[in-house]
Amino acid sequence: MVTTSYPRPPLRLTRRGRAVVLAFFVGTSTIASAFLLSTASRADQPAQGPAATVIVQPHDTLWSIATRTAPRRDPYAAVADLKKINHIDGYVVHPGQTLQLPRD
């Protein structure tokens, strides 16, 4: 007995099948875009919660605190921000004093 195998005809979708596939892709893209847009809109919001603080230790200076807490930042700008946020007129800080750190 000899069996001959014929090539299968290509897959054909009915009108209803095409509508289901289209609805699937539209739904998937809608959900993906809604997710991406919601996470992108939250990226512009500033960090929430209490500001980070540091307690001044003996022999600490504004310069040492600025370079320790923001090592990649310009120390002059970091010291200026520390002074502004904490309402410090001079450059003197005292051990035990709590300083707020700038939010970067």
C-alpha atoms as a PDB file:
ATOM      1  CA  MET A   1       0.000   0.000   0.000  1.00  0.00           C
ATOM      2  CA  VAL A   2       1.437   3.303  -1.081  1.00  0.00           C
ATOM      3  CA  THR A   3       0.308   6.460   0.630  1.00  0.00           C
ATOM      4  CA  THR A   4       0.882   9.763  -0.936  1.00  0.00           C
ATOM      5  CA  SER A   5       1.115  12.768   1.330  1.00  0.00           C
ATOM      6  CA  TYR A   6      -0.110  15.966  -0.123  1.00  0.00           C
ATOM      7  CA  PRO A   7       1.081  19.327   1.178  1.00  0.00           C
ATOM      8  CA  ARG A   8      -1.311  20.878   3.627  1.00  0.00           C
ATOM      9  CA  PRO A   9      -3.130  23.931   2.419  1.00  0.00           C
ATOM     10  CA  PRO A  10      -2.120  27.227   4.105  1.00  0.00           C
ATOM     11  CA  LEU A  11      -3.993  28.280   7.218  1.00  0.00           C
ATOM     12  CA  ARG A  12      -6.963  30.453   6.392  1.00  0.00           C
ATOM     13  CA  LEU A  13      -8.833  32.556   8.864  1.00  0.00           C
ATOM     14  CA  THR A  14     -12.512  33.184   8.623  1.00  0.00           C
ATOM     15  CA  ARG A  15     -13.946  36.634   9.037  1.00  0.00           C
ATOM     16  CA  ARG A  16     -14.653  35.905  12.702  1.00  0.00           C
ATOM     17  CA  GLY A  17     -11.094  34.572  13.203  1.00  0.00           C
ATOM     18  CA  ARG A  18      -9.585  37.737  11.742  1.00  0.00           C
ATOM     19  CA  ALA A  19     -11.765  39.842  14.048  1.00  0.00           C
ATOM     20  CA  VAL A  20     -10.624  37.838  17.090  1.00  0.00           C
ATOM     21  CA  VAL A  21      -6.927  38.182  16.174  1.00  0.00           C
ATOM     22  CA  LEU A  22      -7.338  41.918  15.549  1.00  0.00           C
ATOM     23  CA  ALA A  23      -9.175  42.389  18.867  1.00  0.00           C
ATOM     24  CA  PHE A  24      -6.413  40.491  20.673  1.00  0.00           C
ATOM     25  CA  PHE A  25      -3.665  42.731  19.268  1.00  0.00           C
ATOM     26  CA  VAL A  26      -5.644  45.929  19.896  1.00  0.00           C
ATOM     27  CA  GLY A  27      -6.349  44.894  23.493  1.00  0.00           C
ATOM     28  CA  THR A  28      -2.739  43.918  24.136  1.00  0.00           C
ATOM     29  CA  SER A  29      -1.383  47.177  22.735  1.00  0.00           C
ATOM     30  CA  THR A  30      -3.925  49.208  24.728  1.00  0.00           C
ATOM     31  CA  ILE A  31      -2.924  47.555  27.995  1.00  0.00           C
ATOM     32  CA  ALA A  32       0.789  47.937  27.230  1.00  0.00           C
ATOM     33  CA  SER A  33       0.483  51.625  26.352  1.00  0.00           C
ATOM     34  CA  ALA A  34      -1.639  52.334  29.450  1.00  0.00           C
ATOM     35  CA  PHE A  35       1.006  50.690  31.633  1.00  0.00           C
ATOM     36  CA  LEU A  36       3.886  52.566  29.988  1.00  0.00           C
ATOM     37  CA  LEU A  37       2.130  55.931  30.164  1.00  0.00           C
ATOM     38  CA  SER A  38       1.203  55.513  33.826  1.00  0.00           C
ATOM     39  CA  THR A  39       4.799  54.724  34.841  1.00  0.00           C
ATOM     40  CA  ALA A  40       6.200  57.543  32.691  1.00  0.00           C
ATOM     41  CA  SER A  41       3.890  60.113  34.288  1.00  0.00           C
ATOM     42  CA  ARG A  42       5.096  59.162  37.784  1.00  0.00           C
ATOM     43  CA  ALA A  43       8.743  59.715  36.832  1.00  0.00           C
ATOM     44  CA  ASP A  44       8.273  63.506  36.927  1.00  0.00           C
ATOM     45  CA  GLN A  45       6.956  63.529  40.499  1.00  0.00           C
ATOM     46  CA  PRO A  46       9.447  64.439  43.212  1.00  0.00           C
ATOM     47  CA  ALA A  47      10.338  61.863  45.817  1.00  0.00           C
ATOM     48  CA  GLN A  48       7.806  61.702  48.613  1.00  0.00           C
ATOM     49  CA  GLY A  49       8.315  61.055  52.279  1.00  0.00           C
ATOM     50  CA  PRO A  50      10.537  62.640  54.852  1.00  0.00           C
ATOM     51  CA  ALA A  51      13.719  64.307  53.706  1.00  0.00           C
ATOM     52  CA  ALA A  52      16.969  62.481  54.392  1.00  0.00           C
ATOM     53  CA  THR A  53      18.900  63.807  57.372  1.00  0.00           C
ATOM     54  CA  VAL A  54      22.366  63.495  58.828  1.00  0.00           C
ATOM     55  CA  ILE A  55      23.474  64.025  62.419  1.00  0.00           C
ATOM     56  CA  VAL A  56      26.640  66.074  62.749  1.00  0.00           C
ATOM     57  CA  GLN A  57      29.471  64.080  64.352  1.00  0.00           C
ATOM     58  CA  PRO A  58      32.491  65.527  66.185  1.00  0.00           C
ATOM     59  CA  HIS A  59      34.988  67.092  63.752  1.00  0.00           C
ATOM     60  CA  ASP A  60      32.395  67.229  60.939  1.00  0.00           C
ATOM     61  CA  THR A  61      32.275  70.288  58.715  1.00  0.00           C
ATOM     62  CA  LEU A  62      29.772  71.303  56.060  1.00  0.00           C
ATOM     63  CA  TRP A  63      32.401  70.387  53.471  1.00  0.00           C
ATOM     64  CA  SER A  64      32.927  66.871  54.870  1.00  0.00           C
ATOM     65  CA  ILE A  65      29.186  66.270  55.113  1.00  0.00           C
ATOM     66  CA  ALA A  66      28.648  67.527  51.548  1.00  0.00           C
ATOM     67  CA  THR A  67      31.407  65.340  50.087  1.00  0.00           C
ATOM     68  CA  ARG A  68      30.270  62.292  52.101  1.00  0.00           C
ATOM     69  CA  THR A  69      26.567  62.537  51.229  1.00  0.00           C
ATOM     70  CA  ALA A  70      26.941  63.684  47.598  1.00  0.00           C
ATOM     71  CA  PRO A  71      30.336  62.436  46.359  1.00  0.00           C
ATOM     72  CA  ARG A  72      29.659  63.036  42.655  1.00  0.00           C
ATOM     73  CA  ARG A  73      28.397  66.558  43.125  1.00  0.00           C
ATOM     74  CA  ASP A  74      30.317  69.819  43.148  1.00  0.00           C
ATOM     75  CA  PRO A  75      31.198  70.334  46.848  1.00  0.00           C
ATOM     76  CA  TYR A  76      30.724  74.103  46.648  1.00  0.00           C
ATOM     77  CA  ALA A  77      27.163  73.703  45.352  1.00  0.00           C
ATOM     78  CA  ALA A  78      26.429  70.959  47.888  1.00  0.00           C
ATOM     79  CA  VAL A  79      27.614  73.157  50.780  1.00  0.00           C
ATOM     80  CA  ALA A  80      25.508  76.053  49.464  1.00  0.00           C
ATOM     81  CA  ASP A  81      22.440  73.787  49.308  1.00  0.00           C
ATOM     82  CA  LEU A  82      23.067  72.478  52.838  1.00  0.00           C
ATOM     83  CA  LYS A  83      23.307  76.044  54.134  1.00  0.00           C
ATOM     84  CA  LYS A  84      20.151  77.128  52.304  1.00  0.00           C
ATOM     85  CA  ILE A  85      17.987  74.150  53.307  1.00  0.00           C
ATOM     86  CA  ASN A  86      19.048  74.261  56.960  1.00  0.00           C
ATOM     87  CA  HIS A  87      19.025  78.099  57.260  1.00  0.00           C
ATOM     88  CA  ILE A  88      22.701  78.278  58.257  1.00  0.00           C
ATOM     89  CA  ASP A  89      24.309  81.715  57.927  1.00  0.00           C
ATOM     90  CA  GLY A  90      27.947  80.801  58.528  1.00  0.00           C
ATOM     91  CA  TYR A  91      29.924  77.614  58.154  1.00  0.00           C
ATOM     92  CA  VAL A  92      29.756  76.359  61.753  1.00  0.00           C
ATOM     93  CA  VAL A  93      27.920  73.157  62.647  1.00  0.00           C
ATOM     94  CA  HIS A  94      27.800  71.530  66.064  1.00  0.00           C
ATOM     95  CA  PRO A  95      27.969  67.821  67.001  1.00  0.00           C
ATOM     96  CA  GLY A  96      24.491  66.405  67.506  1.00  0.00           C
ATOM     97  CA  GLN A  97      22.909  68.925  65.141  1.00  0.00           C
ATOM     98  CA  THR A  98      20.511  67.368  62.601  1.00  0.00           C
ATOM     99  CA  LEU A  99      20.812  68.611  59.023  1.00  0.00           C
ATOM    100  CA  GLN A 100      18.386  67.966  56.194  1.00  0.00           C
ATOM    101  CA  LEU A 101      19.994  66.804  52.983  1.00  0.00           C
ATOM    102  CA  PRO A 102      18.971  68.144  49.561  1.00  0.00           C
ATOM    103  CA  ARG A 103      16.817  65.875  47.421  1.00  0.00           C
ATOM    104  CA  ASP A 104      18.642  65.022  44.232  1.00  0.00           C
END
